[in-house]
Amino acid sequence: MRIAAGAAAALALSVGAVATATPALACTRSSTYCAAHYYGLLLNTSGKVRAEIDTTTSANNLNKKVFNDAYGDREWVQAPLRDRNAGDGDAVYVHWSWYANGSYCYISSIGVSAGPDSGGVTIGQGCTSGWHSTNSADSKHIQDSNWWFMTDSKGVDPTASSLRVTEKPCQDESWVPDECGGSRLLGISYS
């Protein structure tokens, strides 16, 4: 699926359907996953394409909502990657940043009282809801002009109702921060 510039780039997969530009695919609890295809991304520096998440077709670019699986419910993404400038000595990779939407609690304060009539230690708790970062990951770093199918997945957070991931192509750089292209936002809902 091509996502128009300026349009919301989130692909929301719900139990009943897959968000696509074409008629929705059936997704029922009797199957093990729902899948949506997305359009790829480029890393372009100094007028030269360095890394590519497949822009030739969306057939292999997958965002899956996996359920009824031995490894548990999760979001799973596949990004076909290649190094468009494999001879330059700098490897390319896919970077993923994961987020969950739901409530979570954390320790907000710790207090210690001294003296014979004191209460000892007090711990304050804060709670919040909404989108929060859970973790990030990088794919294998490659220097190959052939396609490599990079994948990552994130298990459902028990306090969350949905997951999303940003994905972007990056290139290793010596002595400076790695360069990365634009991001694609992919997501699923378990509600």
N, C-alpha and C. Protein backbone atom coordinates (compact mmCIF):
# COMPACT_ATOMS: atom_id res chain seq x y z
N MET A 1 0.83 -1.15 0.00
CA MET A 1 0.00 0.00 0.00
C MET A 1 0.89 1.23 0.00
N ARG A 2 0.60 2.19 -0.81
CA ARG A 2 1.32 3.46 -0.82
C ARG A 2 0.62 4.39 0.15
N ILE A 3 1.42 5.10 0.93
CA ILE A 3 0.88 6.06 1.87
C ILE A 3 1.18 7.44 1.31
N ALA A 4 0.16 8.21 1.06
CA ALA A 4 0.33 9.52 0.45
C ALA A 4 1.07 10.45 1.40
N ALA A 5 1.91 11.32 0.83
CA ALA A 5 2.64 12.29 1.64
C ALA A 5 1.64 13.14 2.40
N GLY A 6 1.92 13.37 3.67
CA GLY A 6 1.05 14.19 4.49
C GLY A 6 -0.10 13.42 5.12
N ALA A 7 -0.36 12.21 4.65
CA ALA A 7 -1.44 11.42 5.22
C ALA A 7 -0.95 10.70 6.46
N ALA A 8 -1.85 10.34 7.33
CA ALA A 8 -1.45 9.57 8.51
C ALA A 8 -0.89 8.25 8.04
N ALA A 9 0.28 7.90 8.52
CA ALA A 9 0.98 6.73 8.03
C ALA A 9 0.78 5.51 8.90
N ALA A 10 -0.15 5.53 9.81
CA ALA A 10 -0.38 4.37 10.66
C ALA A 10 -1.28 3.37 9.97
N LEU A 11 -0.89 2.12 10.01
CA LEU A 11 -1.72 1.04 9.50
C LEU A 11 -2.30 0.34 10.72
N ALA A 12 -3.58 0.46 10.94
CA ALA A 12 -4.19 -0.14 12.11
C ALA A 12 -4.86 -1.45 11.72
N LEU A 13 -4.44 -2.52 12.34
CA LEU A 13 -5.04 -3.82 12.08
C LEU A 13 -5.97 -4.14 13.23
N SER A 14 -7.22 -4.37 12.94
CA SER A 14 -8.17 -4.73 13.99
C SER A 14 -8.59 -6.17 13.79
N VAL A 15 -9.31 -6.71 14.76
CA VAL A 15 -9.70 -8.11 14.69
C VAL A 15 -10.51 -8.40 13.44
N GLY A 16 -11.34 -7.50 12.98
CA GLY A 16 -12.23 -7.79 11.87
C GLY A 16 -11.66 -7.50 10.50
N ALA A 17 -10.61 -6.70 10.38
CA ALA A 17 -10.15 -6.30 9.05
C ALA A 17 -8.71 -5.84 9.09
N VAL A 18 -8.16 -5.68 7.91
CA VAL A 18 -6.81 -5.15 7.74
C VAL A 18 -6.96 -3.83 7.02
N ALA A 19 -6.31 -2.79 7.52
CA ALA A 19 -6.39 -1.48 6.89
C ALA A 19 -5.54 -1.49 5.62
N THR A 20 -6.16 -1.39 4.47
CA THR A 20 -5.45 -1.35 3.21
C THR A 20 -6.17 -0.39 2.27
N ALA A 21 -5.52 -0.09 1.15
CA ALA A 21 -6.15 0.78 0.16
C ALA A 21 -7.11 -0.02 -0.71
N THR A 22 -7.00 -1.33 -0.65
CA THR A 22 -7.86 -2.22 -1.42
C THR A 22 -8.89 -2.82 -0.46
N PRO A 23 -9.85 -3.62 -0.94
CA PRO A 23 -10.82 -4.21 -0.03
C PRO A 23 -10.14 -4.95 1.12
N ALA A 24 -10.72 -4.84 2.31
CA ALA A 24 -10.13 -5.41 3.52
C ALA A 24 -10.04 -6.93 3.43
N LEU A 25 -8.97 -7.46 4.00
CA LEU A 25 -8.79 -8.90 4.09
C LEU A 25 -9.46 -9.38 5.37
N ALA A 26 -10.03 -10.58 5.34
CA ALA A 26 -10.66 -11.12 6.54
C ALA A 26 -9.60 -11.49 7.56
N CYS A 27 -9.89 -11.21 8.80
CA CYS A 27 -8.98 -11.55 9.89
C CYS A 27 -9.83 -12.05 11.03
N THR A 28 -9.82 -13.32 11.25
CA THR A 28 -10.65 -13.89 12.30
C THR A 28 -9.77 -14.57 13.33
N ARG A 29 -10.34 -14.82 14.50
CA ARG A 29 -9.60 -15.48 15.58
C ARG A 29 -9.28 -16.94 15.26
N SER A 30 -9.85 -17.49 14.23
CA SER A 30 -9.53 -18.88 13.88
C SER A 30 -8.24 -18.96 13.06
N SER A 31 -7.78 -17.84 12.52
CA SER A 31 -6.50 -17.83 11.80
C SER A 31 -5.40 -17.46 12.79
N THR A 32 -4.17 -17.43 12.33
CA THR A 32 -3.06 -17.10 13.23
C THR A 32 -2.50 -15.70 13.02
N TYR A 33 -2.89 -15.02 11.95
CA TYR A 33 -2.42 -13.65 11.77
C TYR A 33 -3.26 -12.89 10.76
N CYS A 34 -3.12 -11.56 10.81
CA CYS A 34 -3.63 -10.64 9.79
C CYS A 34 -2.41 -9.92 9.26
N ALA A 35 -2.40 -9.57 8.01
CA ALA A 35 -1.23 -8.89 7.46
C ALA A 35 -1.65 -7.70 6.62
N ALA A 36 -0.83 -6.66 6.65
CA ALA A 36 -0.99 -5.50 5.77
C ALA A 36 0.35 -5.24 5.10
N HIS A 37 0.30 -4.81 3.87
CA HIS A 37 1.52 -4.49 3.12
C HIS A 37 1.71 -2.98 3.14
N TYR A 38 2.95 -2.54 3.12
CA TYR A 38 3.25 -1.12 3.13
C TYR A 38 4.32 -0.81 2.09
N TYR A 39 4.40 0.45 1.70
CA TYR A 39 5.37 0.89 0.72
C TYR A 39 6.72 1.13 1.40
N GLY A 40 7.81 0.82 0.73
CA GLY A 40 9.16 0.90 1.30
C GLY A 40 9.69 2.30 1.48
N LEU A 41 10.96 2.36 1.90
CA LEU A 41 11.63 3.61 2.24
C LEU A 41 13.04 3.63 1.68
N LEU A 42 13.59 4.85 1.51
CA LEU A 42 14.96 5.02 1.03
C LEU A 42 15.76 5.86 2.02
N LEU A 43 17.07 5.60 2.07
CA LEU A 43 18.01 6.50 2.71
C LEU A 43 18.80 7.13 1.58
N ASN A 44 18.65 8.43 1.41
CA ASN A 44 19.27 9.17 0.32
C ASN A 44 20.15 10.25 0.92
N THR A 45 21.46 10.16 0.69
CA THR A 45 22.38 11.19 1.17
C THR A 45 23.23 11.68 0.01
N SER A 46 23.43 12.96 -0.04
CA SER A 46 24.25 13.60 -1.09
C SER A 46 23.78 13.18 -2.48
N GLY A 47 22.47 13.05 -2.66
CA GLY A 47 21.92 12.70 -3.96
C GLY A 47 22.11 11.25 -4.35
N LYS A 48 22.52 10.40 -3.43
CA LYS A 48 22.76 8.99 -3.73
C LYS A 48 21.96 8.11 -2.78
N VAL A 49 21.23 7.13 -3.34
CA VAL A 49 20.47 6.20 -2.50
C VAL A 49 21.46 5.23 -1.86
N ARG A 50 21.44 5.15 -0.54
CA ARG A 50 22.37 4.29 0.21
C ARG A 50 21.72 2.98 0.64
N ALA A 51 20.52 3.08 1.22
CA ALA A 51 19.81 1.90 1.73
C ALA A 51 18.38 1.94 1.23
N GLU A 52 17.80 0.74 1.04
CA GLU A 52 16.42 0.66 0.55
C GLU A 52 15.67 -0.44 1.27
N ILE A 53 14.52 -0.07 1.85
CA ILE A 53 13.50 -1.04 2.25
C ILE A 53 12.59 -1.10 1.04
N ASP A 54 12.42 -2.24 0.47
CA ASP A 54 11.87 -2.48 -0.87
C ASP A 54 10.81 -1.46 -1.32
N THR A 55 11.18 -0.64 -2.31
CA THR A 55 10.25 0.32 -2.93
C THR A 55 9.77 -0.16 -4.29
N THR A 56 10.26 -1.33 -4.74
CA THR A 56 9.87 -1.84 -6.05
C THR A 56 8.50 -2.51 -6.01
N THR A 57 8.11 -3.03 -4.85
CA THR A 57 6.81 -3.67 -4.65
C THR A 57 6.52 -3.69 -3.16
N SER A 58 5.27 -3.74 -2.79
CA SER A 58 4.94 -3.85 -1.36
C SER A 58 4.63 -5.30 -0.98
N ALA A 59 4.81 -6.24 -1.91
CA ALA A 59 4.42 -7.64 -1.69
C ALA A 59 5.11 -8.26 -0.48
N ASN A 60 6.38 -7.90 -0.23
CA ASN A 60 7.13 -8.52 0.86
C ASN A 60 7.28 -7.63 2.08
N ASN A 61 6.79 -6.40 2.01
CA ASN A 61 6.86 -5.48 3.14
C ASN A 61 5.62 -5.76 4.00
N LEU A 62 5.80 -6.41 5.14
CA LEU A 62 4.66 -6.90 5.91
C LEU A 62 4.60 -6.34 7.32
N ASN A 63 3.40 -6.06 7.77
CA ASN A 63 3.09 -5.75 9.16
C ASN A 63 2.01 -6.75 9.56
N LYS A 64 2.33 -7.64 10.53
CA LYS A 64 1.38 -8.68 10.90
C LYS A 64 0.93 -8.54 12.35
N LYS A 65 -0.33 -8.82 12.54
CA LYS A 65 -0.89 -9.02 13.87
C LYS A 65 -0.97 -10.52 14.07
N VAL A 66 -0.13 -11.06 14.95
CA VAL A 66 -0.04 -12.51 15.14
C VAL A 66 -0.78 -12.87 16.43
N PHE A 67 -1.64 -13.89 16.36
CA PHE A 67 -2.33 -14.37 17.55
C PHE A 67 -2.57 -15.86 17.40
N ASN A 68 -3.02 -16.49 18.47
CA ASN A 68 -3.19 -17.95 18.50
C ASN A 68 -1.90 -18.66 18.09
N ASP A 69 -0.79 -18.18 18.60
CA ASP A 69 0.52 -18.69 18.22
C ASP A 69 1.24 -19.16 19.48
N ALA A 70 2.05 -20.18 19.36
CA ALA A 70 2.77 -20.73 20.51
C ALA A 70 3.70 -19.72 21.17
N TYR A 71 4.15 -18.72 20.43
CA TYR A 71 5.04 -17.71 20.99
C TYR A 71 4.28 -16.51 21.55
N GLY A 72 2.95 -16.53 21.50
CA GLY A 72 2.14 -15.46 22.07
C GLY A 72 1.70 -14.43 21.05
N ASP A 73 0.75 -13.61 21.44
CA ASP A 73 0.24 -12.54 20.59
C ASP A 73 1.31 -11.47 20.45
N ARG A 74 1.47 -10.94 19.22
CA ARG A 74 2.51 -9.94 18.99
C ARG A 74 2.30 -9.23 17.66
N GLU A 75 3.03 -8.13 17.50
CA GLU A 75 3.15 -7.47 16.21
C GLU A 75 4.46 -7.94 15.61
N TRP A 76 4.44 -8.26 14.31
CA TRP A 76 5.61 -8.77 13.60
C TRP A 76 5.77 -7.98 12.32
N VAL A 77 6.98 -7.49 12.06
CA VAL A 77 7.24 -6.72 10.85
C VAL A 77 8.35 -7.36 10.04
N GLN A 78 8.21 -7.24 8.72
CA GLN A 78 9.24 -7.72 7.79
C GLN A 78 9.61 -6.58 6.85
N ALA A 79 10.92 -6.34 6.72
CA ALA A 79 11.41 -5.26 5.87
C ALA A 79 12.51 -5.82 4.96
N PRO A 80 12.21 -6.02 3.67
CA PRO A 80 13.26 -6.44 2.74
C PRO A 80 14.25 -5.28 2.57
N LEU A 81 15.52 -5.54 2.84
CA LEU A 81 16.54 -4.49 2.85
C LEU A 81 17.67 -4.84 1.90
N ARG A 82 18.22 -3.81 1.24
CA ARG A 82 19.44 -3.99 0.46
C ARG A 82 20.29 -2.74 0.54
N ASP A 83 21.58 -2.94 0.34
CA ASP A 83 22.55 -1.84 0.33
C ASP A 83 22.70 -1.41 -1.12
N ARG A 84 22.22 -0.23 -1.45
CA ARG A 84 22.26 0.25 -2.83
C ARG A 84 23.64 0.77 -3.21
N ASN A 85 24.56 0.84 -2.26
CA ASN A 85 25.91 1.29 -2.51
C ASN A 85 26.87 0.35 -1.77
N ALA A 86 26.73 -0.95 -2.05
CA ALA A 86 27.42 -1.99 -1.28
C ALA A 86 28.93 -1.87 -1.29
N GLY A 87 29.51 -1.23 -2.26
CA GLY A 87 30.97 -1.14 -2.35
C GLY A 87 31.60 -0.04 -1.53
N ASP A 88 30.80 0.74 -0.79
CA ASP A 88 31.37 1.88 -0.08
C ASP A 88 31.95 1.55 1.30
N GLY A 89 31.79 0.31 1.75
CA GLY A 89 32.34 -0.10 3.04
C GLY A 89 31.46 0.22 4.24
N ASP A 90 30.31 0.88 4.03
CA ASP A 90 29.40 1.21 5.13
C ASP A 90 28.18 0.30 5.06
N ALA A 91 27.96 -0.47 6.12
CA ALA A 91 26.82 -1.39 6.17
C ALA A 91 25.51 -0.63 6.37
N VAL A 92 24.40 -1.25 5.98
CA VAL A 92 23.07 -0.68 6.18
C VAL A 92 22.26 -1.62 7.07
N TYR A 93 21.22 -1.07 7.69
CA TYR A 93 20.39 -1.85 8.59
C TYR A 93 19.03 -1.18 8.74
N VAL A 94 18.09 -1.90 9.35
CA VAL A 94 16.77 -1.35 9.68
C VAL A 94 16.74 -1.07 11.17
N HIS A 95 16.26 0.11 11.54
CA HIS A 95 16.09 0.46 12.95
C HIS A 95 14.60 0.51 13.26
N TRP A 96 14.19 -0.18 14.34
CA TRP A 96 12.80 -0.19 14.79
C TRP A 96 12.71 0.44 16.18
N SER A 97 11.69 1.27 16.41
CA SER A 97 11.37 1.80 17.74
C SER A 97 9.94 1.40 18.06
N TRP A 98 9.74 0.71 19.19
CA TRP A 98 8.45 0.15 19.56
C TRP A 98 7.75 0.99 20.62
N TYR A 99 6.40 1.05 20.52
CA TYR A 99 5.57 1.81 21.45
C TYR A 99 4.32 1.00 21.79
N ALA A 100 3.82 1.18 23.01
CA ALA A 100 2.57 0.54 23.44
C ALA A 100 1.61 1.63 23.90
N ASN A 101 0.31 1.39 23.73
CA ASN A 101 -0.72 2.32 24.15
C ASN A 101 -1.51 1.67 25.28
N GLY A 102 -1.43 2.23 26.45
CA GLY A 102 -2.14 1.68 27.59
C GLY A 102 -1.69 2.37 28.85
N SER A 103 -2.09 1.82 29.99
CA SER A 103 -1.73 2.38 31.28
C SER A 103 -0.51 1.67 31.83
N TYR A 104 0.32 2.42 32.51
CA TYR A 104 1.44 1.82 33.22
C TYR A 104 1.76 2.67 34.44
N CYS A 105 2.34 2.03 35.45
CA CYS A 105 2.67 2.71 36.70
C CYS A 105 4.16 2.63 36.96
N TYR A 106 4.65 3.56 37.76
CA TYR A 106 6.08 3.66 38.03
C TYR A 106 6.28 4.27 39.42
N ILE A 107 7.48 4.12 39.96
CA ILE A 107 7.81 4.72 41.25
C ILE A 107 8.10 6.20 41.00
N SER A 108 7.35 7.07 41.68
CA SER A 108 7.51 8.50 41.45
C SER A 108 8.35 9.18 42.53
N SER A 109 8.43 8.58 43.71
CA SER A 109 9.25 9.16 44.78
C SER A 109 9.57 8.12 45.83
N ILE A 110 10.66 8.36 46.53
CA ILE A 110 11.06 7.51 47.66
C ILE A 110 11.46 8.46 48.78
N GLY A 111 10.88 8.26 49.96
CA GLY A 111 11.20 9.10 51.11
C GLY A 111 11.68 8.25 52.27
N VAL A 112 12.63 8.79 53.02
CA VAL A 112 13.18 8.09 54.19
C VAL A 112 13.05 9.02 55.39
N SER A 113 12.47 8.50 56.46
CA SER A 113 12.33 9.26 57.71
C SER A 113 13.26 8.67 58.74
N ALA A 114 13.90 9.51 59.54
CA ALA A 114 14.81 9.04 60.60
C ALA A 114 14.22 9.39 61.96
N GLY A 115 14.58 8.65 62.97
CA GLY A 115 14.14 8.92 64.33
C GLY A 115 13.29 7.81 64.88
N PRO A 116 13.11 7.83 66.23
CA PRO A 116 12.39 6.71 66.87
C PRO A 116 10.91 6.65 66.53
N ASP A 117 10.28 7.77 66.22
CA ASP A 117 8.85 7.77 65.92
C ASP A 117 8.56 7.94 64.43
N SER A 118 9.54 7.69 63.59
CA SER A 118 9.36 7.90 62.15
C SER A 118 8.71 6.70 61.50
N GLY A 119 8.20 6.93 60.33
CA GLY A 119 7.52 5.87 59.59
C GLY A 119 8.45 5.04 58.73
N GLY A 120 9.72 5.35 58.66
CA GLY A 120 10.66 4.57 57.85
C GLY A 120 10.69 5.03 56.41
N VAL A 121 10.44 4.13 55.50
CA VAL A 121 10.53 4.41 54.07
C VAL A 121 9.13 4.56 53.48
N THR A 122 8.93 5.58 52.66
CA THR A 122 7.68 5.73 51.93
C THR A 122 7.98 5.72 50.43
N ILE A 123 7.14 5.08 49.70
CA ILE A 123 7.30 4.99 48.25
C ILE A 123 6.05 5.54 47.58
N GLY A 124 6.26 6.52 46.69
CA GLY A 124 5.14 7.10 45.95
C GLY A 124 5.02 6.43 44.58
N GLN A 125 3.80 6.27 44.12
CA GLN A 125 3.55 5.64 42.82
C GLN A 125 2.80 6.60 41.93
N GLY A 126 3.24 6.68 40.68
CA GLY A 126 2.53 7.48 39.69
C GLY A 126 2.05 6.57 38.57
N CYS A 127 0.96 6.92 37.97
CA CYS A 127 0.43 6.14 36.84
C CYS A 127 0.09 7.08 35.69
N THR A 128 0.19 6.59 34.51
CA THR A 128 -0.16 7.37 33.33
C THR A 128 -0.73 6.44 32.26
N SER A 129 -1.35 7.03 31.27
CA SER A 129 -1.85 6.22 30.15
C SER A 129 -1.53 6.95 28.85
N GLY A 130 -1.58 6.22 27.76
CA GLY A 130 -1.25 6.77 26.45
C GLY A 130 -0.09 6.01 25.84
N TRP A 131 0.45 6.55 24.76
CA TRP A 131 1.57 5.90 24.08
C TRP A 131 2.85 6.10 24.88
N HIS A 132 3.61 5.01 25.04
CA HIS A 132 4.91 5.10 25.69
C HIS A 132 5.90 4.17 24.99
N SER A 133 7.14 4.58 24.98
CA SER A 133 8.21 3.81 24.33
C SER A 133 8.47 2.54 25.12
N THR A 134 8.65 1.42 24.42
CA THR A 134 8.95 0.17 25.11
C THR A 134 10.37 -0.30 24.85
N ASN A 135 10.84 -0.28 23.62
CA ASN A 135 12.21 -0.67 23.31
C ASN A 135 12.52 -0.35 21.85
N SER A 136 13.77 -0.53 21.47
CA SER A 136 14.17 -0.36 20.07
C SER A 136 15.12 -1.49 19.70
N ALA A 137 15.28 -1.70 18.40
CA ALA A 137 16.13 -2.80 17.92
C ALA A 137 16.68 -2.44 16.54
N ASP A 138 17.81 -3.01 16.23
CA ASP A 138 18.41 -2.89 14.90
C ASP A 138 18.47 -4.28 14.27
N SER A 139 18.29 -4.33 12.95
CA SER A 139 18.44 -5.58 12.22
C SER A 139 19.93 -5.90 12.07
N LYS A 140 20.20 -7.00 11.43
CA LYS A 140 21.56 -7.35 11.05
C LYS A 140 22.09 -6.23 10.14
N HIS A 141 23.35 -5.90 10.28
CA HIS A 141 24.00 -4.88 9.43
C HIS A 141 24.60 -5.61 8.22
N ILE A 142 24.24 -5.16 7.01
CA ILE A 142 24.67 -5.87 5.79
C ILE A 142 25.38 -4.91 4.82
N GLN A 143 26.20 -5.50 3.96
CA GLN A 143 26.81 -4.79 2.83
C GLN A 143 26.59 -5.68 1.61
N ASP A 144 25.36 -5.68 1.13
CA ASP A 144 24.98 -6.60 0.05
C ASP A 144 23.89 -5.93 -0.79
N SER A 145 24.04 -5.98 -2.11
CA SER A 145 23.02 -5.40 -2.99
C SER A 145 21.84 -6.34 -3.21
N ASN A 146 21.91 -7.56 -2.69
CA ASN A 146 20.79 -8.50 -2.75
C ASN A 146 19.84 -8.23 -1.59
N TRP A 147 18.58 -8.67 -1.74
CA TRP A 147 17.57 -8.46 -0.70
C TRP A 147 17.82 -9.37 0.49
N TRP A 148 17.74 -8.81 1.69
CA TRP A 148 17.77 -9.54 2.95
C TRP A 148 16.44 -9.24 3.64
N PHE A 149 15.75 -10.28 4.11
CA PHE A 149 14.44 -10.11 4.74
C PHE A 149 14.63 -9.96 6.25
N MET A 150 14.63 -8.69 6.71
CA MET A 150 14.82 -8.38 8.11
C MET A 150 13.48 -8.41 8.83
N THR A 151 13.46 -9.01 10.02
CA THR A 151 12.22 -9.10 10.79
C THR A 151 12.46 -8.72 12.25
N ASP A 152 11.40 -8.27 12.88
CA ASP A 152 11.41 -8.02 14.32
C ASP A 152 9.98 -8.19 14.81
N SER A 153 9.83 -8.45 16.09
CA SER A 153 8.48 -8.56 16.65
C SER A 153 8.49 -8.09 18.09
N LYS A 154 7.30 -7.76 18.57
CA LYS A 154 7.13 -7.30 19.95
C LYS A 154 5.88 -7.95 20.49
N GLY A 155 6.02 -8.61 21.65
CA GLY A 155 4.88 -9.22 22.31
C GLY A 155 3.92 -8.19 22.84
N VAL A 156 2.66 -8.57 22.96
CA VAL A 156 1.64 -7.67 23.46
C VAL A 156 1.94 -7.33 24.92
N ASP A 157 1.91 -6.06 25.25
CA ASP A 157 2.05 -5.58 26.61
C ASP A 157 0.72 -5.84 27.31
N PRO A 158 0.69 -6.54 28.46
CA PRO A 158 -0.59 -6.87 29.08
C PRO A 158 -1.40 -5.66 29.53
N THR A 159 -0.76 -4.49 29.66
CA THR A 159 -1.50 -3.29 30.05
C THR A 159 -1.88 -2.44 28.85
N ALA A 160 -1.54 -2.88 27.64
CA ALA A 160 -1.77 -2.07 26.44
C ALA A 160 -2.89 -2.66 25.59
N SER A 161 -3.52 -1.79 24.81
CA SER A 161 -4.54 -2.23 23.88
C SER A 161 -4.04 -2.24 22.44
N SER A 162 -2.88 -1.63 22.21
CA SER A 162 -2.34 -1.60 20.86
C SER A 162 -0.83 -1.37 20.89
N LEU A 163 -0.19 -1.73 19.78
CA LEU A 163 1.25 -1.56 19.60
C LEU A 163 1.50 -0.79 18.32
N ARG A 164 2.64 -0.13 18.24
CA ARG A 164 3.07 0.45 16.97
C ARG A 164 4.59 0.48 16.96
N VAL A 165 5.10 0.57 15.74
CA VAL A 165 6.55 0.58 15.56
C VAL A 165 6.89 1.57 14.45
N THR A 166 7.97 2.32 14.64
CA THR A 166 8.51 3.10 13.53
C THR A 166 9.68 2.30 12.98
N GLU A 167 9.82 2.36 11.67
CA GLU A 167 10.86 1.60 10.99
C GLU A 167 11.55 2.54 10.01
N LYS A 168 12.88 2.47 9.95
CA LYS A 168 13.61 3.32 9.01
C LYS A 168 14.92 2.66 8.59
N PRO A 169 15.35 2.91 7.34
CA PRO A 169 16.64 2.39 6.87
C PRO A 169 17.77 3.29 7.37
N CYS A 170 18.89 2.68 7.78
CA CYS A 170 20.03 3.44 8.29
C CYS A 170 21.32 2.90 7.69
N GLN A 171 22.38 3.70 7.80
CA GLN A 171 23.70 3.31 7.32
C GLN A 171 24.73 3.61 8.40
N ASP A 172 25.63 2.64 8.64
CA ASP A 172 26.74 2.84 9.57
C ASP A 172 27.63 3.96 9.06
N GLU A 173 28.07 4.80 9.96
CA GLU A 173 29.02 5.87 9.63
C GLU A 173 30.16 5.82 10.64
N SER A 174 31.39 6.02 10.18
CA SER A 174 32.54 6.06 11.07
C SER A 174 32.68 7.46 11.65
N TRP A 175 32.86 7.54 12.95
CA TRP A 175 33.19 8.77 13.66
C TRP A 175 32.06 9.79 13.75
N VAL A 176 30.92 9.54 13.15
CA VAL A 176 29.77 10.45 13.24
C VAL A 176 28.52 9.60 13.47
N PRO A 177 27.41 10.21 13.93
CA PRO A 177 26.18 9.42 14.11
C PRO A 177 25.73 8.79 12.79
N ASP A 178 25.13 7.60 12.89
CA ASP A 178 24.63 6.92 11.70
C ASP A 178 23.55 7.75 11.01
N GLU A 179 23.52 7.67 9.69
CA GLU A 179 22.49 8.36 8.91
C GLU A 179 21.29 7.44 8.77
N CYS A 180 20.09 8.01 8.86
CA CYS A 180 18.86 7.24 8.69
C CYS A 180 17.91 8.00 7.77
N GLY A 181 17.09 7.24 7.06
CA GLY A 181 16.08 7.82 6.17
C GLY A 181 14.81 8.11 6.96
N GLY A 182 13.75 8.43 6.22
CA GLY A 182 12.45 8.70 6.83
C GLY A 182 11.88 7.45 7.49
N SER A 183 10.91 7.64 8.36
CA SER A 183 10.29 6.55 9.11
C SER A 183 8.93 6.17 8.54
N ARG A 184 8.58 4.91 8.70
CA ARG A 184 7.24 4.43 8.41
C ARG A 184 6.64 4.01 9.75
N LEU A 185 5.40 4.41 10.01
CA LEU A 185 4.70 4.05 11.26
C LEU A 185 3.71 2.94 10.96
N LEU A 186 3.87 1.81 11.64
CA LEU A 186 3.01 0.64 11.47
C LEU A 186 2.40 0.30 12.83
N GLY A 187 1.17 -0.20 12.86
CA GLY A 187 0.56 -0.49 14.14
C GLY A 187 -0.52 -1.55 14.09
N ILE A 188 -0.86 -2.06 15.28
CA ILE A 188 -1.93 -3.04 15.44
C ILE A 188 -2.75 -2.70 16.66
N SER A 189 -3.98 -3.19 16.69
CA SER A 189 -4.85 -3.01 17.85
C SER A 189 -5.36 -4.37 18.29
N TYR A 190 -5.38 -4.62 19.59
CA TYR A 190 -5.89 -5.88 20.12
C TYR A 190 -7.26 -5.68 20.77
N SER A 191 -7.86 -4.52 20.62
CA SER A 191 -9.18 -4.31 21.24
C SER A 191 -10.28 -4.62 20.26
